[in-house]
Amino acid sequence: MAKRLILLSVLVAVVLGGTAMAKGRGFGIGIIAGEPTGPCFKLWTGQNTAVDGAVAWSTEGDNDLRLHADYLMHSFNLFKVKKGELPLYYGIGGRIILEDHGDDHIGARVPVGLAYMFEGAPVDIFFEIVPVLDLTPDTELDFDAAIGVRFFIR
């Protein structure tokens, strides 16, 4: 099942990547490390908005598959850097955890992070903290945190 989800995610990423090239900032694919860890993507939908997500695994010692996607807004004017850009981003999204023993979780995410976008290179690095409100099987608050890197096709 995990292989099918990864294959489906790659197919969706390739299709979406073609539409992103017309948006200016492009489509990025990379790796996210922390909680969760795995392949990730970012699709710019405008100059200040994007959709990102990951197909990843928990680092807490279990084999749970974690899927998430977020709608993000970026503030480019808060932090000035000599080269590149350093936007603060924030948004809303969802997460699904598919557990081995069938006790799956569905929750709402509120990511907040920083992304350094290199000048003259199609690469960004990012750090995010994400409060998550799990809605099933129980309502509880959780937190994810991760760093990552993505390569962009423009």
Protein backbone atom coordinates (compact mmCIF):
# COMPACT_ATOMS: atom_id res chain seq x y z
CA MET A 1 0.00 0.00 0.00
CA ALA A 2 2.82 2.46 0.84
CA LYS A 3 4.43 1.92 -2.56
CA ARG A 4 1.15 2.74 -4.31
CA LEU A 5 0.75 5.95 -2.32
CA ILE A 6 4.30 7.04 -3.13
CA LEU A 7 3.80 6.28 -6.82
CA LEU A 8 0.52 8.21 -6.84
CA SER A 9 2.19 11.15 -5.09
CA VAL A 10 5.01 11.25 -7.63
CA LEU A 11 2.50 11.16 -10.50
CA VAL A 12 0.49 14.03 -9.00
CA ALA A 13 3.71 15.99 -8.41
CA VAL A 14 4.79 15.59 -12.04
CA VAL A 15 1.40 16.71 -13.35
CA LEU A 16 1.22 19.68 -10.97
CA GLY A 17 4.82 20.60 -11.72
CA GLY A 18 3.93 21.28 -15.33
CA THR A 19 1.28 23.82 -14.33
CA ALA A 20 3.58 25.47 -11.78
CA MET A 21 6.14 26.56 -14.37
CA ALA A 22 3.70 29.20 -15.56
CA LYS A 23 3.43 30.70 -12.04
CA GLY A 24 6.99 32.09 -11.92
CA ARG A 25 8.34 30.49 -8.73
CA GLY A 26 7.82 26.92 -9.92
CA PHE A 27 7.44 23.48 -8.42
CA GLY A 28 9.86 22.02 -5.89
CA ILE A 29 10.57 18.52 -4.70
CA GLY A 30 12.86 17.53 -1.86
CA ILE A 31 13.14 15.98 1.57
CA ILE A 32 11.66 16.88 4.93
CA ALA A 33 13.41 15.67 8.11
CA GLY A 34 12.10 15.62 11.64
CA GLU A 35 8.58 14.61 12.48
CA PRO A 36 7.69 13.45 9.85
CA THR A 37 10.60 12.44 7.55
CA GLY A 38 10.30 11.70 3.82
CA PRO A 39 9.86 13.20 0.36
CA CYS A 40 8.11 16.57 0.12
CA PHE A 41 6.90 19.03 -2.52
CA LYS A 42 5.88 22.67 -2.91
CA LEU A 43 3.76 24.09 -5.70
CA TRP A 44 3.60 27.88 -6.01
CA THR A 45 0.09 28.98 -6.94
CA GLY A 46 0.88 32.71 -7.00
CA GLN A 47 3.61 35.17 -6.01
CA ASN A 48 2.81 34.78 -2.27
CA THR A 49 0.82 31.53 -2.09
CA ALA A 50 1.70 27.86 -2.40
CA VAL A 51 0.56 24.34 -1.64
CA ASP A 52 3.03 21.99 0.01
CA GLY A 53 2.91 18.46 1.29
CA ALA A 54 4.75 15.27 2.08
CA VAL A 55 4.46 11.52 1.99
CA ALA A 56 6.52 10.64 5.02
CA TRP A 57 7.08 8.36 7.98
CA SER A 58 7.13 8.90 11.70
CA THR A 59 10.49 9.05 13.47
CA GLU A 60 8.95 7.92 16.75
CA GLY A 61 9.84 4.25 16.25
CA ASP A 62 6.71 3.10 14.42
CA ASN A 63 6.04 2.48 10.74
CA ASP A 64 3.13 4.90 10.44
CA LEU A 65 2.69 6.51 7.03
CA ARG A 66 1.99 10.24 7.30
CA LEU A 67 0.44 12.29 4.51
CA HIS A 68 -0.04 16.03 4.77
CA ALA A 69 -0.86 18.98 2.55
CA ASP A 70 -1.07 22.69 3.42
CA TYR A 71 -2.16 25.92 1.77
CA LEU A 72 0.51 28.53 2.58
CA MET A 73 0.76 32.31 2.49
CA HIS A 74 4.20 33.99 2.49
CA SER A 75 5.28 37.35 3.93
CA PHE A 76 8.41 38.43 2.06
CA ASN A 77 8.85 41.84 3.76
CA LEU A 78 9.38 40.83 7.40
CA PHE A 79 13.04 39.75 7.19
CA LYS A 80 15.58 41.50 4.96
CA VAL A 81 18.60 39.49 3.81
CA LYS A 82 21.52 40.63 1.61
CA LYS A 83 21.03 37.83 -0.90
CA GLY A 84 18.02 35.66 -1.62
CA GLU A 85 14.70 35.88 0.20
CA LEU A 86 13.57 34.81 3.68
CA PRO A 87 9.78 34.71 3.85
CA LEU A 88 7.78 33.80 6.92
CA TYR A 89 5.02 31.42 5.89
CA TYR A 90 1.85 30.28 7.59
CA GLY A 91 -1.23 28.41 6.56
CA ILE A 92 -3.75 25.66 7.12
CA GLY A 93 -3.87 22.06 6.01
CA GLY A 94 -4.62 18.50 6.87
CA ARG A 95 -2.81 15.37 7.95
CA ILE A 96 -3.61 11.67 7.74
CA ILE A 97 -1.67 9.06 9.70
CA LEU A 98 -2.11 5.48 8.48
CA GLU A 99 -1.09 3.24 11.36
CA ASP A 100 -0.01 -0.38 11.01
CA HIS A 101 -2.63 -1.51 13.53
CA GLY A 102 -5.48 0.37 11.83
CA ASP A 103 -6.01 3.19 14.35
CA ASP A 104 -5.74 5.90 11.67
CA HIS A 105 -5.69 9.62 12.50
CA ILE A 106 -7.10 12.61 10.65
CA GLY A 107 -6.18 16.11 11.79
CA ALA A 108 -5.93 19.80 10.94
CA ARG A 109 -2.49 21.44 10.62
CA VAL A 110 -1.47 25.08 11.14
CA PRO A 111 2.12 25.36 9.85
CA VAL A 112 4.37 28.34 10.64
CA GLY A 113 7.87 28.47 9.21
CA LEU A 114 10.76 30.22 7.52
CA ALA A 115 12.10 29.39 4.06
CA TYR A 116 15.41 30.70 2.77
CA MET A 117 15.25 30.99 -1.02
CA PHE A 118 18.72 31.22 -2.55
CA GLU A 119 19.45 33.99 -5.05
CA GLY A 120 20.31 32.58 -8.48
CA ALA A 121 19.73 28.96 -7.45
CA PRO A 122 16.45 27.01 -7.64
CA VAL A 123 16.79 25.75 -4.04
CA ASP A 124 15.15 26.58 -0.72
CA ILE A 125 15.73 25.36 2.81
CA PHE A 126 12.99 25.58 5.39
CA PHE A 127 12.15 25.11 9.05
CA GLU A 128 8.61 24.75 10.36
CA ILE A 129 6.67 24.17 13.55
CA VAL A 130 3.17 22.77 13.12
CA PRO A 131 0.45 22.50 15.75
CA VAL A 132 -1.91 19.68 14.74
CA LEU A 133 -5.40 19.07 16.08
CA ASP A 134 -6.21 15.41 15.57
CA LEU A 135 -9.94 14.93 15.06
CA THR A 136 -10.05 11.12 14.85
CA PRO A 137 -9.86 8.62 16.48
CA ASP A 138 -9.61 11.01 19.47
CA THR A 139 -9.45 14.78 19.65
CA GLU A 140 -6.00 15.78 20.85
CA LEU A 141 -3.31 18.39 20.22
CA ASP A 142 -0.01 17.30 18.67
CA PHE A 143 3.04 19.12 17.31
CA ASP A 144 5.25 18.42 14.31
CA ALA A 145 8.57 20.14 13.61
CA ALA A 146 10.89 19.66 10.66
CA ILE A 147 13.61 21.07 8.45
CA GLY A 148 13.92 20.42 4.75
CA VAL A 149 15.33 21.27 1.37
CA ARG A 150 13.69 21.46 -2.06
CA PHE A 151 14.95 21.82 -5.64
CA PHE A 152 12.67 23.86 -7.93
CA ILE A 153 11.75 23.51 -11.59
CA ARG A 154 10.79 26.89 -13.02
